[in-house]
């Protein structure tokens, strides 16, 4: 076992390849500064901020500073009414810090998933929030498994759950969740009243040939070629029926218009 030791008047911390444990000696007058160093040391050991550069490194630095201040305000006790300094229990600090790390990873996973969904094609019928939640839950479950299956946490236990490694992990999970969410596109409901014609009312092509008919929600029929041309001309997905001007969403017919361009993650 490769052990890493840190000693001070307040803390004796042992970190192993298969474990993370702490023992504390608390002389009277142990300071808040010593407890802060302990928190910083735990973050350094589990998240390894030095492995993450740029904005990710800055995020971890901010997380460490903010979390340390919050935990030091929240925990600690005065040994007696004459004491001017709090004493801190490292077990309490460690468990609280572990919870904060889990929340941090969960929030970042959700953020990265939302950003990824803005950069990929997502059919209109897919619930992006549901994909985000599912993606985040996968990461949360992985982190919980690491914690539950480790008697003691290893060095760098969560370094792959922050920064670039986490963003790459989220990107891969989003692809999987999108494949689950898309499946066959639900066909738009067929209108109760249909205004069927033998020819496309726009281009006059015979529907009995190879021309494919689409029924719009207003009940009018149109060929796929004309609807595609309308979309290409307007450069937007919200169009109008050429006969009655009823609203038409091209997204409702994406699988019929562009079957070959369906996403293949």
C-alpha atoms as a PDB file:
ATOM      1  CA  UNK A   1       0.000   0.000   0.000  1.00  0.00           C
ATOM      2  CA  UNK A   2       1.287   3.434  -0.933  1.00  0.00           C
ATOM      3  CA  UNK A   3       0.352   5.778   1.862  1.00  0.00           C
ATOM      4  CA  UNK A   4       0.365   9.544   1.887  1.00  0.00           C
ATOM      5  CA  UNK A   5       0.805  11.219   5.256  1.00  0.00           C
ATOM      6  CA  UNK A   6      -0.021  14.689   6.441  1.00  0.00           C
ATOM      7  CA  UNK A   7       0.766  15.679  10.025  1.00  0.00           C
ATOM      8  CA  UNK A   8      -0.056  18.769  12.031  1.00  0.00           C
ATOM      9  CA  UNK A   9      -0.968  19.560  15.597  1.00  0.00           C
ATOM     10  CA  UNK A  10      -4.578  18.997  14.599  1.00  0.00           C
ATOM     11  CA  UNK A  11      -4.605  16.314  11.927  1.00  0.00           C
ATOM     12  CA  UNK A  12      -2.921  13.022  11.154  1.00  0.00           C
ATOM     13  CA  UNK A  13      -4.330  11.955   7.776  1.00  0.00           C
ATOM     14  CA  UNK A  14      -3.603   8.674   6.004  1.00  0.00           C
ATOM     15  CA  UNK A  15      -4.578   8.077   2.396  1.00  0.00           C
ATOM     16  CA  UNK A  16      -4.008   4.708   0.704  1.00  0.00           C
ATOM     17  CA  UNK A  17      -4.471   3.292  -2.751  1.00  0.00           C
ATOM     18  CA  UNK A  18      -7.485   1.380  -1.501  1.00  0.00           C
ATOM     19  CA  UNK A  19      -8.456   3.626   1.319  1.00  0.00           C
ATOM     20  CA  UNK A  20      -8.959   7.006   2.816  1.00  0.00           C
ATOM     21  CA  UNK A  21      -9.009   7.318   6.592  1.00  0.00           C
ATOM     22  CA  UNK A  22      -8.381   9.991   9.172  1.00  0.00           C
ATOM     23  CA  UNK A  23      -7.432  10.179  12.784  1.00  0.00           C
ATOM     24  CA  UNK A  24      -7.405  13.364  14.796  1.00  0.00           C
ATOM     25  CA  UNK A  25      -5.535  14.679  17.770  1.00  0.00           C
ATOM     26  CA  UNK A  26      -7.227  17.791  19.099  1.00  0.00           C
ATOM     27  CA  UNK A  27      -5.180  19.844  21.512  1.00  0.00           C
ATOM     28  CA  UNK A  28      -6.943  22.736  23.168  1.00  0.00           C
ATOM     29  CA  UNK A  29      -7.041  25.801  20.965  1.00  0.00           C
ATOM     30  CA  UNK A  30      -7.100  23.926  17.632  1.00  0.00           C
ATOM     31  CA  UNK A  31      -7.704  26.588  15.010  1.00  0.00           C
ATOM     32  CA  UNK A  32     -10.143  27.131  12.179  1.00  0.00           C
ATOM     33  CA  UNK A  33      -7.153  27.475   9.861  1.00  0.00           C
ATOM     34  CA  UNK A  34      -6.099  23.914  10.623  1.00  0.00           C
ATOM     35  CA  UNK A  35      -9.582  22.594   9.878  1.00  0.00           C
ATOM     36  CA  UNK A  36      -9.595  24.562   6.625  1.00  0.00           C
ATOM     37  CA  UNK A  37      -6.312  22.941   5.619  1.00  0.00           C
ATOM     38  CA  UNK A  38      -7.858  19.552   6.317  1.00  0.00           C
ATOM     39  CA  UNK A  39     -10.798  20.308   3.987  1.00  0.00           C
ATOM     40  CA  UNK A  40      -8.444  21.546   1.272  1.00  0.00           C
ATOM     41  CA  UNK A  41      -6.359  18.407   1.678  1.00  0.00           C
ATOM     42  CA  UNK A  42      -9.375  16.104   1.282  1.00  0.00           C
ATOM     43  CA  UNK A  43     -10.401  17.927  -1.914  1.00  0.00           C
ATOM     44  CA  UNK A  44      -6.833  17.708  -3.235  1.00  0.00           C
ATOM     45  CA  UNK A  45      -6.778  13.987  -2.469  1.00  0.00           C
ATOM     46  CA  UNK A  46     -10.172  12.979  -3.900  1.00  0.00           C
ATOM     47  CA  UNK A  47     -10.609  15.421  -6.800  1.00  0.00           C
ATOM     48  CA  UNK A  48      -6.960  16.208  -7.596  1.00  0.00           C
ATOM     49  CA  UNK A  49      -7.580  19.783  -8.872  1.00  0.00           C
ATOM     50  CA  UNK A  50      -3.997  19.993 -10.140  1.00  0.00           C
ATOM     51  CA  UNK A  51      -5.010  17.581 -12.926  1.00  0.00           C
ATOM     52  CA  UNK A  52      -7.544  20.077 -14.279  1.00  0.00           C
ATOM     53  CA  UNK A  53      -6.422  23.242 -16.035  1.00  0.00           C
ATOM     54  CA  UNK A  54      -8.111  26.436 -17.149  1.00  0.00           C
ATOM     55  CA  UNK A  55     -11.703  27.130 -16.181  1.00  0.00           C
ATOM     56  CA  UNK A  56     -12.120  23.668 -14.678  1.00  0.00           C
ATOM     57  CA  UNK A  57      -9.224  24.273 -12.305  1.00  0.00           C
ATOM     58  CA  UNK A  58     -10.719  27.641 -11.368  1.00  0.00           C
ATOM     59  CA  UNK A  59     -14.104  25.998 -10.693  1.00  0.00           C
ATOM     60  CA  UNK A  60     -12.505  23.492  -8.332  1.00  0.00           C
ATOM     61  CA  UNK A  61     -10.573  26.225  -6.563  1.00  0.00           C
ATOM     62  CA  UNK A  62     -13.774  28.214  -6.071  1.00  0.00           C
ATOM     63  CA  UNK A  63     -15.593  25.082  -4.908  1.00  0.00           C
ATOM     64  CA  UNK A  64     -12.887  24.384  -2.329  1.00  0.00           C
ATOM     65  CA  UNK A  65     -12.848  27.928  -0.963  1.00  0.00           C
ATOM     66  CA  UNK A  66     -16.627  28.322  -0.843  1.00  0.00           C
ATOM     67  CA  UNK A  67     -17.295  24.877   0.609  1.00  0.00           C
ATOM     68  CA  UNK A  68     -14.610  25.229   3.269  1.00  0.00           C
ATOM     69  CA  UNK A  69     -16.112  28.522   4.449  1.00  0.00           C
ATOM     70  CA  UNK A  70     -19.624  27.036   4.544  1.00  0.00           C
ATOM     71  CA  UNK A  71     -18.591  23.926   6.473  1.00  0.00           C
ATOM     72  CA  UNK A  72     -16.530  25.870   8.978  1.00  0.00           C
ATOM     73  CA  UNK A  73     -19.486  28.137   9.693  1.00  0.00           C
ATOM     74  CA  UNK A  74     -21.886  25.217   9.910  1.00  0.00           C
ATOM     75  CA  UNK A  75     -19.849  22.863  12.071  1.00  0.00           C
ATOM     76  CA  UNK A  76     -17.444  23.042  14.975  1.00  0.00           C
ATOM     77  CA  UNK A  77     -18.107  23.716  18.610  1.00  0.00           C
ATOM     78  CA  UNK A  78     -16.625  25.719  21.446  1.00  0.00           C
ATOM     79  CA  UNK A  79     -15.168  23.397  24.108  1.00  0.00           C
ATOM     80  CA  UNK A  80     -16.429  25.702  26.856  1.00  0.00           C
ATOM     81  CA  UNK A  81     -18.048  29.083  27.270  1.00  0.00           C
ATOM     82  CA  UNK A  82     -14.674  30.772  27.736  1.00  0.00           C
ATOM     83  CA  UNK A  83     -13.249  29.496  24.462  1.00  0.00           C
ATOM     84  CA  UNK A  84     -12.704  31.904  21.608  1.00  0.00           C
ATOM     85  CA  UNK A  85     -11.972  29.207  19.024  1.00  0.00           C
ATOM     86  CA  UNK A  86     -14.026  26.305  17.727  1.00  0.00           C
ATOM     87  CA  UNK A  87     -12.839  22.720  17.624  1.00  0.00           C
ATOM     88  CA  UNK A  88     -13.677  20.598  14.590  1.00  0.00           C
ATOM     89  CA  UNK A  89     -14.323  16.883  14.277  1.00  0.00           C
ATOM     90  CA  UNK A  90     -12.754  15.582  11.071  1.00  0.00           C
ATOM     91  CA  UNK A  91     -15.279  12.756  10.708  1.00  0.00           C
ATOM     92  CA  UNK A  92     -18.059  15.337  10.656  1.00  0.00           C
ATOM     93  CA  UNK A  93     -16.181  17.562   8.222  1.00  0.00           C
ATOM     94  CA  UNK A  94     -15.294  14.637   5.958  1.00  0.00           C
ATOM     95  CA  UNK A  95     -18.880  13.333   5.693  1.00  0.00           C
ATOM     96  CA  UNK A  96     -20.253  16.818   5.078  1.00  0.00           C
ATOM     97  CA  UNK A  97     -17.589  17.506   2.459  1.00  0.00           C
ATOM     98  CA  UNK A  98     -18.351  14.221   0.714  1.00  0.00           C
ATOM     99  CA  UNK A  99     -22.001  15.278   0.413  1.00  0.00           C
ATOM    100  CA  UNK A 100     -20.951  18.648  -1.035  1.00  0.00           C
ATOM    101  CA  UNK A 101     -18.721  16.910  -3.585  1.00  0.00           C
ATOM    102  CA  UNK A 102     -21.644  14.700  -4.659  1.00  0.00           C
ATOM    103  CA  UNK A 103     -23.885  17.747  -5.110  1.00  0.00           C
ATOM    104  CA  UNK A 104     -21.155  19.546  -7.079  1.00  0.00           C
ATOM    105  CA  UNK A 105     -20.722  16.597  -9.452  1.00  0.00           C
ATOM    106  CA  UNK A 106     -24.495  16.255  -9.897  1.00  0.00           C
ATOM    107  CA  UNK A 107     -24.925  19.945 -10.725  1.00  0.00           C
ATOM    108  CA  UNK A 108     -22.044  19.921 -13.195  1.00  0.00           C
ATOM    109  CA  UNK A 109     -23.397  16.781 -14.860  1.00  0.00           C
ATOM    110  CA  UNK A 110     -26.761  18.456 -15.364  1.00  0.00           C
ATOM    111  CA  UNK A 111     -25.101  21.618 -16.713  1.00  0.00           C
ATOM    112  CA  UNK A 112     -22.934  19.704 -19.179  1.00  0.00           C
ATOM    113  CA  UNK A 113     -25.879  17.590 -20.349  1.00  0.00           C
ATOM    114  CA  UNK A 114     -27.959  20.691 -21.084  1.00  0.00           C
ATOM    115  CA  UNK A 115     -25.060  22.251 -22.986  1.00  0.00           C
ATOM    116  CA  UNK A 116     -24.495  19.068 -24.993  1.00  0.00           C
ATOM    117  CA  UNK A 117     -28.171  18.889 -25.975  1.00  0.00           C
ATOM    118  CA  UNK A 118     -27.865  22.367 -27.491  1.00  0.00           C
ATOM    119  CA  UNK A 119     -25.105  21.150 -29.805  1.00  0.00           C
ATOM    120  CA  UNK A 120     -26.707  18.006 -31.231  1.00  0.00           C
ATOM    121  CA  UNK A 121     -29.822  17.263 -33.235  1.00  0.00           C
ATOM    122  CA  UNK A 122     -32.724  16.398 -30.964  1.00  0.00           C
ATOM    123  CA  UNK A 123     -36.120  15.525 -32.493  1.00  0.00           C
ATOM    124  CA  UNK A 124     -38.904  17.804 -31.329  1.00  0.00           C
ATOM    125  CA  UNK A 125     -40.758  14.935 -29.676  1.00  0.00           C
ATOM    126  CA  UNK A 126     -37.844  14.164 -27.328  1.00  0.00           C
ATOM    127  CA  UNK A 127     -38.067  15.625 -23.819  1.00  0.00           C
ATOM    128  CA  UNK A 128     -34.667  17.276 -23.282  1.00  0.00           C
ATOM    129  CA  UNK A 129     -35.267  17.662 -19.558  1.00  0.00           C
ATOM    130  CA  UNK A 130     -35.909  13.946 -19.269  1.00  0.00           C
ATOM    131  CA  UNK A 131     -32.673  13.179 -21.124  1.00  0.00           C
ATOM    132  CA  UNK A 132     -30.810  15.594 -18.846  1.00  0.00           C
ATOM    133  CA  UNK A 133     -32.228  13.965 -15.724  1.00  0.00           C
ATOM    134  CA  UNK A 134     -31.437  10.475 -16.998  1.00  0.00           C
ATOM    135  CA  UNK A 135     -27.878  11.470 -17.897  1.00  0.00           C
ATOM    136  CA  UNK A 136     -27.305  13.098 -14.530  1.00  0.00           C
ATOM    137  CA  UNK A 137     -28.713  10.072 -12.722  1.00  0.00           C
ATOM    138  CA  UNK A 138     -26.232   7.775 -14.472  1.00  0.00           C
ATOM    139  CA  UNK A 139     -23.347   9.882 -13.160  1.00  0.00           C
ATOM    140  CA  UNK A 140     -24.868  10.091  -9.681  1.00  0.00           C
ATOM    141  CA  UNK A 141     -25.290   6.313  -9.599  1.00  0.00           C
ATOM    142  CA  UNK A 142     -21.661   5.791 -10.599  1.00  0.00           C
ATOM    143  CA  UNK A 143     -20.433   8.108  -7.848  1.00  0.00           C
ATOM    144  CA  UNK A 144     -22.700   6.455  -5.284  1.00  0.00           C
ATOM    145  CA  UNK A 145     -21.357   3.060  -6.335  1.00  0.00           C
ATOM    146  CA  UNK A 146     -17.772   4.211  -5.828  1.00  0.00           C
ATOM    147  CA  UNK A 147     -18.659   5.388  -2.337  1.00  0.00           C
ATOM    148  CA  UNK A 148     -20.739   2.360  -1.356  1.00  0.00           C
ATOM    149  CA  UNK A 149     -18.274  -0.239  -2.633  1.00  0.00           C
ATOM    150  CA  UNK A 150     -15.213   1.341  -1.058  1.00  0.00           C
ATOM    151  CA  UNK A 151     -14.528   0.709   2.587  1.00  0.00           C
ATOM    152  CA  UNK A 152     -12.238   3.693   2.225  1.00  0.00           C
ATOM    153  CA  UNK A 153     -12.041   5.966  -0.805  1.00  0.00           C
ATOM    154  CA  UNK A 154      -8.910   5.783  -2.974  1.00  0.00           C
ATOM    155  CA  UNK A 155      -6.704   8.686  -3.969  1.00  0.00           C
ATOM    156  CA  UNK A 156      -8.230  10.476  -6.962  1.00  0.00           C
ATOM    157  CA  UNK A 157     -11.573   8.724  -6.450  1.00  0.00           C
ATOM    158  CA  UNK A 158     -13.505  11.503  -8.192  1.00  0.00           C
ATOM    159  CA  UNK A 159     -10.919  13.077 -10.490  1.00  0.00           C
ATOM    160  CA  UNK A 160     -12.734  11.567 -13.506  1.00  0.00           C
ATOM    161  CA  UNK A 161     -16.000  13.146 -12.355  1.00  0.00           C
ATOM    162  CA  UNK A 162     -14.935  16.765 -12.729  1.00  0.00           C
ATOM    163  CA  UNK A 163     -13.643  18.938 -15.552  1.00  0.00           C
ATOM    164  CA  UNK A 164     -12.920  17.541 -19.001  1.00  0.00           C
ATOM    165  CA  UNK A 165     -13.299  13.861 -18.001  1.00  0.00           C
ATOM    166  CA  UNK A 166     -16.802  14.543 -16.673  1.00  0.00           C
ATOM    167  CA  UNK A 167     -17.797  16.535 -19.747  1.00  0.00           C
ATOM    168  CA  UNK A 168     -16.635  13.697 -22.019  1.00  0.00           C
ATOM    169  CA  UNK A 169     -18.468  11.156 -19.861  1.00  0.00           C
ATOM    170  CA  UNK A 170     -21.666  13.218 -20.011  1.00  0.00           C
ATOM    171  CA  UNK A 171     -21.360  13.531 -23.794  1.00  0.00           C
ATOM    172  CA  UNK A 172     -21.203   9.750 -24.145  1.00  0.00           C
ATOM    173  CA  UNK A 173     -24.125   9.218 -21.774  1.00  0.00           C
ATOM    174  CA  UNK A 174     -26.242  11.797 -23.617  1.00  0.00           C
ATOM    175  CA  UNK A 175     -25.721   9.843 -26.855  1.00  0.00           C
ATOM    176  CA  UNK A 176     -26.929   6.665 -25.168  1.00  0.00           C
ATOM    177  CA  UNK A 177     -29.932   8.363 -23.574  1.00  0.00           C
ATOM    178  CA  UNK A 178     -30.893   9.991 -26.870  1.00  0.00           C
ATOM    179  CA  UNK A 179     -30.839   6.620 -28.595  1.00  0.00           C
ATOM    180  CA  UNK A 180     -33.190   5.354 -25.902  1.00  0.00           C
ATOM    181  CA  UNK A 181     -35.439   8.405 -26.147  1.00  0.00           C
ATOM    182  CA  UNK A 182     -35.741   8.625 -29.907  1.00  0.00           C
ATOM    183  CA  UNK A 183     -36.567   5.172 -31.213  1.00  0.00           C
ATOM    184  CA  UNK A 184     -39.177   5.289 -33.995  1.00  0.00           C
ATOM    185  CA  UNK A 185     -40.646   8.763 -34.265  1.00  0.00           C
ATOM    186  CA  UNK A 186     -44.292   8.920 -33.267  1.00  0.00           C
ATOM    187  CA  UNK A 187     -46.373   9.578 -36.347  1.00  0.00           C
ATOM    188  CA  UNK A 188     -48.548  12.696 -36.217  1.00  0.00           C
ATOM    189  CA  UNK A 189     -52.168  11.986 -35.484  1.00  0.00           C
ATOM    190  CA  UNK A 190     -54.247  11.584 -38.614  1.00  0.00           C
ATOM    191  CA  UNK A 191     -56.842  14.367 -38.838  1.00  0.00           C
ATOM    192  CA  UNK A 192     -60.454  13.291 -38.331  1.00  0.00           C
ATOM    193  CA  UNK A 193     -61.460  15.076 -41.542  1.00  0.00           C
ATOM    194  CA  UNK A 194     -59.372  14.512 -44.677  1.00  0.00           C
ATOM    195  CA  UNK A 195     -59.451  16.530 -47.857  1.00  0.00           C
ATOM    196  CA  UNK A 196     -57.991  13.895 -50.139  1.00  0.00           C
ATOM    197  CA  UNK A 197     -57.103  14.777 -53.716  1.00  0.00           C
ATOM    198  CA  UNK A 198     -55.735  12.635 -56.517  1.00  0.00           C
ATOM    199  CA  UNK A 199     -52.936  15.109 -57.164  1.00  0.00           C
ATOM    200  CA  UNK A 200     -50.780  17.287 -54.932  1.00  0.00           C
ATOM    201  CA  UNK A 201     -52.699  20.594 -54.826  1.00  0.00           C
ATOM    202  CA  UNK A 202     -49.423  22.527 -55.060  1.00  0.00           C
ATOM    203  CA  UNK A 203     -47.386  20.853 -57.829  1.00  0.00           C
ATOM    204  CA  UNK A 204     -50.211  18.788 -59.330  1.00  0.00           C
ATOM    205  CA  UNK A 205     -48.129  15.599 -59.288  1.00  0.00           C
ATOM    206  CA  UNK A 206     -50.197  12.411 -59.264  1.00  0.00           C
ATOM    207  CA  UNK A 207     -50.196  10.703 -55.858  1.00  0.00           C
ATOM    208  CA  UNK A 208     -50.642   7.356 -57.611  1.00  0.00           C
ATOM    209  CA  UNK A 209     -47.074   7.565 -58.902  1.00  0.00           C
ATOM    210  CA  UNK A 210     -43.984   7.586 -56.711  1.00  0.00           C
ATOM    211  CA  UNK A 211     -44.967  10.907 -55.146  1.00  0.00           C
ATOM    212  CA  UNK A 212     -45.450  10.481 -51.410  1.00  0.00           C
ATOM    213  CA  UNK A 213     -48.511  12.011 -49.746  1.00  0.00           C
ATOM    214  CA  UNK A 214     -48.498  13.667 -46.316  1.00  0.00           C
ATOM    215  CA  UNK A 215     -51.642  14.662 -44.488  1.00  0.00           C
ATOM    216  CA  UNK A 216     -51.224  17.917 -42.598  1.00  0.00           C
ATOM    217  CA  UNK A 217     -53.010  18.389 -39.294  1.00  0.00           C
ATOM    218  CA  UNK A 218     -55.605  20.562 -41.001  1.00  0.00           C
ATOM    219  CA  UNK A 219     -56.585  17.566 -43.137  1.00  0.00           C
ATOM    220  CA  UNK A 220     -55.171  18.778 -46.452  1.00  0.00           C
ATOM    221  CA  UNK A 221     -52.722  16.567 -48.300  1.00  0.00           C
ATOM    222  CA  UNK A 222     -49.464  17.667 -49.882  1.00  0.00           C
ATOM    223  CA  UNK A 223     -46.512  15.831 -51.366  1.00  0.00           C
ATOM    224  CA  UNK A 224     -43.241  15.485 -49.477  1.00  0.00           C
ATOM    225  CA  UNK A 225     -41.390  17.327 -52.238  1.00  0.00           C
ATOM    226  CA  UNK A 226     -43.521  20.448 -51.909  1.00  0.00           C
ATOM    227  CA  UNK A 227     -43.341  20.472 -48.118  1.00  0.00           C
ATOM    228  CA  UNK A 228     -39.561  20.125 -48.327  1.00  0.00           C
ATOM    229  CA  UNK A 229     -39.360  23.017 -50.797  1.00  0.00           C
ATOM    230  CA  UNK A 230     -41.531  25.163 -48.534  1.00  0.00           C
ATOM    231  CA  UNK A 231     -39.161  24.435 -45.655  1.00  0.00           C
ATOM    232  CA  UNK A 232     -36.042  25.136 -47.733  1.00  0.00           C
ATOM    233  CA  UNK A 233     -37.512  28.424 -48.935  1.00  0.00           C
ATOM    234  CA  UNK A 234     -38.706  29.619 -45.532  1.00  0.00           C
ATOM    235  CA  UNK A 235     -35.640  28.363 -43.614  1.00  0.00           C
ATOM    236  CA  UNK A 236     -37.789  27.708 -40.579  1.00  0.00           C
ATOM    237  CA  UNK A 237     -39.746  24.781 -39.179  1.00  0.00           C
ATOM    238  CA  UNK A 238     -43.019  26.648 -38.599  1.00  0.00           C
ATOM    239  CA  UNK A 239     -44.916  26.992 -41.856  1.00  0.00           C
ATOM    240  CA  UNK A 240     -48.514  27.321 -43.025  1.00  0.00           C
ATOM    241  CA  UNK A 241     -50.729  25.052 -45.066  1.00  0.00           C
ATOM    242  CA  UNK A 242     -50.704  26.446 -48.647  1.00  0.00           C
ATOM    243  CA  UNK A 243     -54.468  25.910 -48.890  1.00  0.00           C
ATOM    244  CA  UNK A 244     -55.949  27.085 -45.585  1.00  0.00           C
ATOM    245  CA  UNK A 245     -52.938  28.759 -43.882  1.00  0.00           C
ATOM    246  CA  UNK A 246     -53.215  26.493 -40.824  1.00  0.00           C
ATOM    247  CA  UNK A 247     -50.000  26.173 -38.809  1.00  0.00           C
ATOM    248  CA  UNK A 248     -47.650  23.389 -39.905  1.00  0.00           C
ATOM    249  CA  UNK A 249     -44.625  22.219 -37.911  1.00  0.00           C
ATOM    250  CA  UNK A 250     -42.061  20.550 -40.159  1.00  0.00           C
ATOM    251  CA  UNK A 251     -40.673  18.726 -37.110  1.00  0.00           C
ATOM    252  CA  UNK A 252     -43.854  16.645 -37.049  1.00  0.00           C
ATOM    253  CA  UNK A 253     -42.908  15.164 -40.417  1.00  0.00           C
ATOM    254  CA  UNK A 254     -39.101  15.011 -40.088  1.00  0.00           C
ATOM    255  CA  UNK A 255     -38.919  11.219 -40.274  1.00  0.00           C
ATOM    256  CA  UNK A 256     -40.994  11.178 -43.463  1.00  0.00           C
ATOM    257  CA  UNK A 257     -39.187  14.065 -45.134  1.00  0.00           C
ATOM    258  CA  UNK A 258     -35.627  13.119 -44.252  1.00  0.00           C
ATOM    259  CA  UNK A 259     -35.565   9.439 -43.210  1.00  0.00           C
ATOM    260  CA  UNK A 260     -31.933   9.057 -44.253  1.00  0.00           C
ATOM    261  CA  UNK A 261     -30.808  11.982 -42.108  1.00  0.00           C
ATOM    262  CA  UNK A 262     -32.225  10.646 -38.856  1.00  0.00           C
ATOM    263  CA  UNK A 263     -29.552  10.964 -36.171  1.00  0.00           C
ATOM    264  CA  UNK A 264     -27.198   7.989 -35.847  1.00  0.00           C
ATOM    265  CA  UNK A 265     -25.353   8.366 -32.577  1.00  0.00           C
END
